[in-house]
Amino acid sequence: MKYICKSAFFFAVIPALVFSWSSGFCTETLRVGVHESKPLSFTEPDGALTGIFPEVAAEVARRAGWRIELVNVPWLDGLEKIKNNELDLLGPIGVTAERKKLFQFNQEPLIVDWGQIYLPEKSAISSLLDLKNRKIAYQKGHIMFESLADLLRQFNIDFEGMPVDDQVTVFKLVENGVADAGAVNRLFGVQNSAQFKLVASPIVYAPLELCFAASFQ
C-alpha cells in the first residue's frame, strides 16, 4: 500500500493543484523528508517546517485527504533514509541520470534551480579562472558542486574544496574569510546572501530540475 501511495503522490503533485484525489485512497501516513534549503524548505523560529516543498506536499495531502508527516533531515542522512525506506519521499532533490537509477521522481519538476558562486563584497573573483588555488566552501554531497568541480578539473584549475554540513555554514565560512568563495543553489543565495554581506558572482553552473524522490520499493 505504501508503494501505491508514493506513486499516487507523484501523479498528484502537479494535477492536485487543479483537482483532488478521492479522500481515503491512501490510508497510511507518508513520511516526507525535507532539508534546510531556504526558500525551498526550511525551519521557522517556532520549529515549523515550511517552504515551497513542504507547502506543496501539505497541499497535495490536504486535497487528497491523505496524512503526511514532515521530517527535517540533514541532506546526506535524507539520501540514506530514502534508500533504506525510512522515509517515503524526499525533497528537494535534483534529478540526474544516475539518480533515476536509484529513485523514482514526479514527472513535472516543482522548480528549476542552478548553482552559483557567492563572494565577499570586494572579491576580485569574476570568472572560473579566478578560482585557481582558491578555497571553495560547499555542502557535502551537493550534486551541483560536483558538476562545478568537474568543470574546474577540465580546465586544469586547481582549487581547495571545503565540505560542510549545510549551505548556511557555507556562507558563514565565506563571511568570516575562512573560504574565498561559496558554492550554493541560486535560490538559496538570493534569499540569504544579504544577511551575510555576500554578493552573487557571474559564475553559474549545473541547471537542475528539483523534484520529490522515492525508492522503487
C-alpha atoms as a PDB file:
ATOM      1  CA  MET A   1       0.000   0.000   0.000  1.00  0.00           C
ATOM      2  CA  LYS A   2       2.861   2.416   0.802  1.00  0.00           C
ATOM      3  CA  TYR A   3       4.312   1.948  -2.726  1.00  0.00           C
ATOM      4  CA  ILE A   4       0.916   2.683  -4.289  1.00  0.00           C
ATOM      5  CA  CYS A   5       0.563   5.782  -2.116  1.00  0.00           C
ATOM      6  CA  LYS A   6       4.001   7.084  -3.123  1.00  0.00           C
ATOM      7  CA  SER A   7       3.293   6.517  -6.818  1.00  0.00           C
ATOM      8  CA  ALA A   8      -0.063   8.235  -6.494  1.00  0.00           C
ATOM      9  CA  PHE A   9       1.578  11.188  -4.787  1.00  0.00           C
ATOM     10  CA  PHE A  10       3.907  11.672  -7.760  1.00  0.00           C
ATOM     11  CA  PHE A  11       0.969  11.594 -10.175  1.00  0.00           C
ATOM     12  CA  ALA A  12      -0.875  14.052  -7.947  1.00  0.00           C
ATOM     13  CA  VAL A  13       1.888  16.583  -7.240  1.00  0.00           C
ATOM     14  CA  ILE A  14       1.012  18.912 -10.109  1.00  0.00           C
ATOM     15  CA  PRO A  15      -2.577  17.838 -11.019  1.00  0.00           C
ATOM     16  CA  ALA A  16      -3.635  18.131  -7.376  1.00  0.00           C
ATOM     17  CA  LEU A  17      -3.293  21.884  -7.739  1.00  0.00           C
ATOM     18  CA  VAL A  18      -6.198  21.588 -10.187  1.00  0.00           C
ATOM     19  CA  PHE A  19      -8.269  18.669  -8.911  1.00  0.00           C
ATOM     20  CA  SER A  20      -8.399  16.432  -5.845  1.00  0.00           C
ATOM     21  CA  TRP A  21      -7.892  12.739  -5.346  1.00  0.00           C
ATOM     22  CA  SER A  22     -10.620  10.822  -3.563  1.00  0.00           C
ATOM     23  CA  SER A  23     -10.336  11.119   0.193  1.00  0.00           C
ATOM     24  CA  GLY A  24      -9.125   7.943   1.867  1.00  0.00           C
ATOM     25  CA  PHE A  25      -7.309   6.497  -1.198  1.00  0.00           C
ATOM     26  CA  CYS A  26      -4.109   6.380   0.849  1.00  0.00           C
ATOM     27  CA  THR A  27      -4.775   5.233   4.392  1.00  0.00           C
ATOM     28  CA  GLU A  28      -1.186   5.239   5.658  1.00  0.00           C
ATOM     29  CA  THR A  29       0.854   8.245   6.786  1.00  0.00           C
ATOM     30  CA  LEU A  30       3.586   9.207   4.330  1.00  0.00           C
ATOM     31  CA  ARG A  31       6.858  10.361   5.875  1.00  0.00           C
ATOM     32  CA  VAL A  32       8.167  13.262   3.773  1.00  0.00           C
ATOM     33  CA  GLY A  33      11.785  14.239   4.376  1.00  0.00           C
ATOM     34  CA  VAL A  34      12.893  17.822   3.747  1.00  0.00           C
ATOM     35  CA  HIS A  35      16.231  19.527   4.387  1.00  0.00           C
ATOM     36  CA  GLU A  36      17.335  23.080   5.076  1.00  0.00           C
ATOM     37  CA  SER A  37      17.473  24.953   1.754  1.00  0.00           C
ATOM     38  CA  LYS A  38      15.537  28.203   2.084  1.00  0.00           C
ATOM     39  CA  PRO A  39      13.216  29.069   0.308  1.00  0.00           C
ATOM     40  CA  LEU A  40      12.689  25.503  -0.957  1.00  0.00           C
ATOM     41  CA  SER A  41      12.404  24.091   2.564  1.00  0.00           C
ATOM     42  CA  PHE A  42      13.406  25.475   5.944  1.00  0.00           C
ATOM     43  CA  THR A  43      12.572  25.640   9.635  1.00  0.00           C
ATOM     44  CA  GLU A  44      10.740  28.615  11.117  1.00  0.00           C
ATOM     45  CA  PRO A  45      11.861  30.013  14.517  1.00  0.00           C
ATOM     46  CA  ASP A  46       8.941  28.171  16.145  1.00  0.00           C
ATOM     47  CA  GLY A  47      10.168  24.859  14.690  1.00  0.00           C
ATOM     48  CA  ALA A  48       7.563  24.598  11.927  1.00  0.00           C
ATOM     49  CA  LEU A  49       8.747  23.245   8.567  1.00  0.00           C
ATOM     50  CA  THR A  50       7.819  25.442   5.625  1.00  0.00           C
ATOM     51  CA  GLY A  51       8.939  26.471   2.144  1.00  0.00           C
ATOM     52  CA  ILE A  52       7.944  25.508  -1.390  1.00  0.00           C
ATOM     53  CA  PHE A  53       8.352  21.734  -0.996  1.00  0.00           C
ATOM     54  CA  PRO A  54       6.688  21.297   2.439  1.00  0.00           C
ATOM     55  CA  GLU A  55       3.806  23.523   1.367  1.00  0.00           C
ATOM     56  CA  VAL A  56       3.229  21.634  -1.900  1.00  0.00           C
ATOM     57  CA  ALA A  57       3.361  18.300  -0.066  1.00  0.00           C
ATOM     58  CA  ALA A  58       0.893  19.546   2.549  1.00  0.00           C
ATOM     59  CA  GLU A  59      -1.478  20.917  -0.097  1.00  0.00           C
ATOM     60  CA  VAL A  60      -1.483  17.683  -2.096  1.00  0.00           C
ATOM     61  CA  ALA A  61      -2.201  15.746   1.095  1.00  0.00           C
ATOM     62  CA  ARG A  62      -4.945  18.176   2.144  1.00  0.00           C
ATOM     63  CA  ARG A  63      -6.779  17.991  -1.166  1.00  0.00           C
ATOM     64  CA  ALA A  64      -6.428  14.236  -1.409  1.00  0.00           C
ATOM     65  CA  GLY A  65      -7.382  13.556   2.209  1.00  0.00           C
ATOM     66  CA  TRP A  66      -4.028  11.902   2.934  1.00  0.00           C
ATOM     67  CA  ARG A  67      -1.871  12.118   6.039  1.00  0.00           C
ATOM     68  CA  ILE A  68       1.767  13.165   5.850  1.00  0.00           C
ATOM     69  CA  GLU A  69       4.493  13.686   8.417  1.00  0.00           C
ATOM     70  CA  LEU A  70       7.157  16.246   7.546  1.00  0.00           C
ATOM     71  CA  VAL A  71      10.597  15.193   8.786  1.00  0.00           C
ATOM     72  CA  ASN A  72      13.567  17.587   8.887  1.00  0.00           C
ATOM     73  CA  VAL A  73      16.725  15.663   7.934  1.00  0.00           C
ATOM     74  CA  PRO A  74      20.300  16.651   7.081  1.00  0.00           C
ATOM     75  CA  TRP A  75      20.838  16.244   3.334  1.00  0.00           C
ATOM     76  CA  LEU A  76      23.103  13.162   3.353  1.00  0.00           C
ATOM     77  CA  ASP A  77      21.004  11.482   6.056  1.00  0.00           C
ATOM     78  CA  GLY A  78      17.930  12.076   3.939  1.00  0.00           C
ATOM     79  CA  LEU A  79      19.517  10.312   0.959  1.00  0.00           C
ATOM     80  CA  GLU A  80      20.346   7.294   3.101  1.00  0.00           C
ATOM     81  CA  LYS A  81      16.907   7.202   4.697  1.00  0.00           C
ATOM     82  CA  ILE A  82      15.101   7.311   1.341  1.00  0.00           C
ATOM     83  CA  LYS A  83      17.329   4.479   0.033  1.00  0.00           C
ATOM     84  CA  ASN A  84      16.515   2.403   3.129  1.00  0.00           C
ATOM     85  CA  ASN A  85      12.771   3.207   3.054  1.00  0.00           C
ATOM     86  CA  GLU A  86      12.978   5.036   6.370  1.00  0.00           C
ATOM     87  CA  LEU A  87      11.351   7.938   4.504  1.00  0.00           C
ATOM     88  CA  ASP A  88       8.661   7.635   1.830  1.00  0.00           C
ATOM     89  CA  LEU A  89       9.536  10.856  -0.006  1.00  0.00           C
ATOM     90  CA  LEU A  90      12.452  13.291  -0.047  1.00  0.00           C
ATOM     91  CA  GLY A  91      12.726  16.789  -1.459  1.00  0.00           C
ATOM     92  CA  PRO A  92      14.012  18.990  -2.822  1.00  0.00           C
ATOM     93  CA  ILE A  93      16.335  16.801  -4.850  1.00  0.00           C
ATOM     94  CA  GLY A  94      17.919  17.443  -8.242  1.00  0.00           C
ATOM     95  CA  VAL A  95      17.091  14.945 -10.982  1.00  0.00           C
ATOM     96  CA  THR A  96      20.085  13.333 -12.700  1.00  0.00           C
ATOM     97  CA  ALA A  97      20.553  10.253 -14.892  1.00  0.00           C
ATOM     98  CA  GLU A  98      22.383   8.445 -12.089  1.00  0.00           C
ATOM     99  CA  ARG A  99      19.716   9.237  -9.517  1.00  0.00           C
ATOM    100  CA  LYS A 100      16.989   7.948 -11.852  1.00  0.00           C
ATOM    101  CA  LYS A 101      18.585   4.522 -11.421  1.00  0.00           C
ATOM    102  CA  LEU A 102      18.091   4.772  -7.660  1.00  0.00           C
ATOM    103  CA  PHE A 103      14.840   6.698  -7.211  1.00  0.00           C
ATOM    104  CA  GLN A 104      11.546   7.499  -8.867  1.00  0.00           C
ATOM    105  CA  PHE A 105      10.667  11.183  -9.345  1.00  0.00           C
ATOM    106  CA  ASN A 106       7.498  13.120 -10.057  1.00  0.00           C
ATOM    107  CA  GLN A 107       7.394  13.854 -13.795  1.00  0.00           C
ATOM    108  CA  GLU A 108       6.839  17.606 -13.548  1.00  0.00           C
ATOM    109  CA  PRO A 109       9.575  19.449 -11.610  1.00  0.00           C
ATOM    110  CA  LEU A 110       8.411  21.822  -8.919  1.00  0.00           C
ATOM    111  CA  ILE A 111      11.148  24.273  -9.816  1.00  0.00           C
ATOM    112  CA  VAL A 112      14.399  24.593 -11.790  1.00  0.00           C
ATOM    113  CA  ASP A 113      17.494  25.864  -9.990  1.00  0.00           C
ATOM    114  CA  TRP A 114      21.226  26.039 -10.648  1.00  0.00           C
ATOM    115  CA  GLY A 115      24.473  26.509  -8.794  1.00  0.00           C
ATOM    116  CA  GLN A 116      26.117  29.884  -8.296  1.00  0.00           C
ATOM    117  CA  ILE A 117      29.314  31.117  -6.672  1.00  0.00           C
ATOM    118  CA  TYR A 118      28.871  33.738  -3.924  1.00  0.00           C
ATOM    119  CA  LEU A 119      31.667  36.020  -2.770  1.00  0.00           C
ATOM    120  CA  PRO A 120      32.636  38.730  -0.264  1.00  0.00           C
ATOM    121  CA  GLU A 121      31.628  42.186  -1.477  1.00  0.00           C
ATOM    122  CA  LYS A 122      35.140  43.248  -2.545  1.00  0.00           C
ATOM    123  CA  SER A 123      36.308  39.953  -4.012  1.00  0.00           C
ATOM    124  CA  ALA A 124      38.345  40.057  -7.214  1.00  0.00           C
ATOM    125  CA  ILE A 125      36.889  36.744  -8.427  1.00  0.00           C
ATOM    126  CA  SER A 126      34.814  37.149 -11.585  1.00  0.00           C
ATOM    127  CA  SER A 127      35.378  34.004 -13.667  1.00  0.00           C
ATOM    128  CA  LEU A 128      36.168  30.300 -13.408  1.00  0.00           C
ATOM    129  CA  LEU A 129      39.853  31.050 -13.980  1.00  0.00           C
ATOM    130  CA  ASP A 130      39.871  33.267 -10.885  1.00  0.00           C
ATOM    131  CA  LEU A 131      39.005  30.241  -8.750  1.00  0.00           C
ATOM    132  CA  LYS A 132      42.512  28.840  -9.261  1.00  0.00           C
ATOM    133  CA  ASN A 133      44.054  27.906  -5.894  1.00  0.00           C
ATOM    134  CA  ARG A 134      41.014  29.326  -4.055  1.00  0.00           C
ATOM    135  CA  LYS A 135      39.175  27.770  -1.112  1.00  0.00           C
ATOM    136  CA  ILE A 136      35.590  26.964  -2.122  1.00  0.00           C
ATOM    137  CA  ALA A 137      33.087  26.013   0.588  1.00  0.00           C
ATOM    138  CA  TYR A 138      30.204  23.716  -0.384  1.00  0.00           C
ATOM    139  CA  GLN A 139      27.605  21.420   1.126  1.00  0.00           C
ATOM    140  CA  LYS A 140      28.632  17.762   1.391  1.00  0.00           C
ATOM    141  CA  GLY A 141      27.010  15.624  -1.288  1.00  0.00           C
ATOM    142  CA  HIS A 142      25.848  18.662  -3.272  1.00  0.00           C
ATOM    143  CA  ILE A 143      25.310  17.449  -6.837  1.00  0.00           C
ATOM    144  CA  MET A 144      25.690  20.943  -8.305  1.00  0.00           C
ATOM    145  CA  PHE A 145      29.117  21.354  -6.709  1.00  0.00           C
ATOM    146  CA  GLU A 146      30.195  18.043  -8.206  1.00  0.00           C
ATOM    147  CA  SER A 147      29.406  19.488 -11.642  1.00  0.00           C
ATOM    148  CA  LEU A 148      31.407  22.636 -10.831  1.00  0.00           C
ATOM    149  CA  ALA A 149      34.367  20.577  -9.613  1.00  0.00           C
ATOM    150  CA  ASP A 150      34.334  18.510 -12.809  1.00  0.00           C
ATOM    151  CA  LEU A 151      34.288  21.703 -14.882  1.00  0.00           C
ATOM    152  CA  LEU A 152      37.238  23.175 -12.992  1.00  0.00           C
ATOM    153  CA  ARG A 153      39.240  19.982 -13.444  1.00  0.00           C
ATOM    154  CA  GLN A 154      38.551  20.014 -17.192  1.00  0.00           C
ATOM    155  CA  PHE A 155      40.240  23.419 -17.325  1.00  0.00           C
ATOM    156  CA  ASN A 156      43.094  22.206 -15.084  1.00  0.00           C
ATOM    157  CA  ILE A 157      42.091  24.712 -12.407  1.00  0.00           C
ATOM    158  CA  ASP A 158      43.336  23.592  -9.006  1.00  0.00           C
ATOM    159  CA  PHE A 159      41.190  24.517  -6.001  1.00  0.00           C
ATOM    160  CA  GLU A 160      40.619  23.508  -2.393  1.00  0.00           C
ATOM    161  CA  GLY A 161      37.132  22.229  -1.663  1.00  0.00           C
ATOM    162  CA  MET A 162      35.805  22.780   1.867  1.00  0.00           C
ATOM    163  CA  PRO A 163      32.860  20.420   2.527  1.00  0.00           C
ATOM    164  CA  VAL A 164      30.416  21.405   5.303  1.00  0.00           C
ATOM    165  CA  ASP A 165      27.045  20.144   6.518  1.00  0.00           C
ATOM    166  CA  ASP A 166      24.747  22.815   5.059  1.00  0.00           C
ATOM    167  CA  GLN A 167      24.592  25.924   2.912  1.00  0.00           C
ATOM    168  CA  VAL A 168      24.250  28.285   5.875  1.00  0.00           C
ATOM    169  CA  THR A 169      27.662  27.118   7.052  1.00  0.00           C
ATOM    170  CA  VAL A 170      28.994  27.682   3.522  1.00  0.00           C
ATOM    171  CA  PHE A 171      28.017  31.353   3.769  1.00  0.00           C
ATOM    172  CA  LYS A 172      29.405  31.667   7.288  1.00  0.00           C
ATOM    173  CA  LEU A 173      32.823  30.449   6.130  1.00  0.00           C
ATOM    174  CA  VAL A 174      32.882  32.957   3.275  1.00  0.00           C
ATOM    175  CA  GLU A 175      31.668  35.774   5.525  1.00  0.00           C
ATOM    176  CA  ASN A 176      34.413  35.020   8.061  1.00  0.00           C
ATOM    177  CA  GLY A 177      37.137  34.815   5.424  1.00  0.00           C
ATOM    178  CA  VAL A 178      37.810  31.119   6.006  1.00  0.00           C
ATOM    179  CA  ALA A 179      36.743  30.370   2.418  1.00  0.00           C
ATOM    180  CA  ASP A 180      37.287  32.549  -0.649  1.00  0.00           C
ATOM    181  CA  ALA A 181      34.020  31.545  -2.299  1.00  0.00           C
ATOM    182  CA  GLY A 182      30.845  29.618  -1.580  1.00  0.00           C
ATOM    183  CA  ALA A 183      29.036  27.288  -3.966  1.00  0.00           C
ATOM    184  CA  VAL A 184      25.276  27.157  -3.284  1.00  0.00           C
ATOM    185  CA  ASN A 185      21.909  26.892  -5.010  1.00  0.00           C
ATOM    186  CA  ARG A 186      20.991  30.159  -6.714  1.00  0.00           C
ATOM    187  CA  LEU A 187      17.661  30.371  -4.854  1.00  0.00           C
ATOM    188  CA  PHE A 188      19.394  29.880  -1.513  1.00  0.00           C
ATOM    189  CA  GLY A 189      21.838  32.630  -2.435  1.00  0.00           C
ATOM    190  CA  VAL A 190      19.112  35.056  -3.448  1.00  0.00           C
ATOM    191  CA  GLN A 191      17.304  34.526  -0.145  1.00  0.00           C
ATOM    192  CA  ASN A 192      20.298  34.555   2.198  1.00  0.00           C
ATOM    193  CA  SER A 193      23.284  36.427   0.745  1.00  0.00           C
ATOM    194  CA  ALA A 194      22.356  39.869   2.094  1.00  0.00           C
ATOM    195  CA  GLN A 195      22.439  38.829   5.759  1.00  0.00           C
ATOM    196  CA  PHE A 196      25.980  37.514   5.284  1.00  0.00           C
ATOM    197  CA  LYS A 197      27.042  40.547   3.227  1.00  0.00           C
ATOM    198  CA  LEU A 198      27.882  38.364   0.228  1.00  0.00           C
ATOM    199  CA  VAL A 199      27.272  39.020  -3.469  1.00  0.00           C
ATOM    200  CA  ALA A 200      26.432  36.794  -6.423  1.00  0.00           C
ATOM    201  CA  SER A 201      29.224  36.219  -8.927  1.00  0.00           C
ATOM    202  CA  PRO A 202      28.720  35.738 -12.689  1.00  0.00           C
ATOM    203  CA  ILE A 203      29.784  32.096 -12.222  1.00  0.00           C
ATOM    204  CA  VAL A 204      26.725  29.877 -12.674  1.00  0.00           C
ATOM    205  CA  TYR A 205      26.587  26.176 -13.478  1.00  0.00           C
ATOM    206  CA  ALA A 206      24.618  22.898 -13.415  1.00  0.00           C
ATOM    207  CA  PRO A 207      20.928  23.760 -14.002  1.00  0.00           C
ATOM    208  CA  LEU A 208      18.771  21.049 -12.411  1.00  0.00           C
ATOM    209  CA  GLU A 209      15.103  20.167 -12.150  1.00  0.00           C
ATOM    210  CA  LEU A 210      14.093  19.818  -8.488  1.00  0.00           C
ATOM    211  CA  CYS A 211      11.513  17.220  -7.524  1.00  0.00           C
ATOM    212  CA  PHE A 212      10.407  14.789  -4.838  1.00  0.00           C
ATOM    213  CA  ALA A 213      12.071  11.365  -4.814  1.00  0.00           C
ATOM    214  CA  ALA A 214      11.025   7.938  -3.546  1.00  0.00           C
ATOM    215  CA  SER A 215      12.560   4.492  -3.618  1.00  0.00           C
ATOM    216  CA  PHE A 216      11.299   1.909  -6.113  1.00  0.00           C
ATOM    217  CA  GLN A 217      10.096  -0.366  -3.323  1.00  0.00           C
END
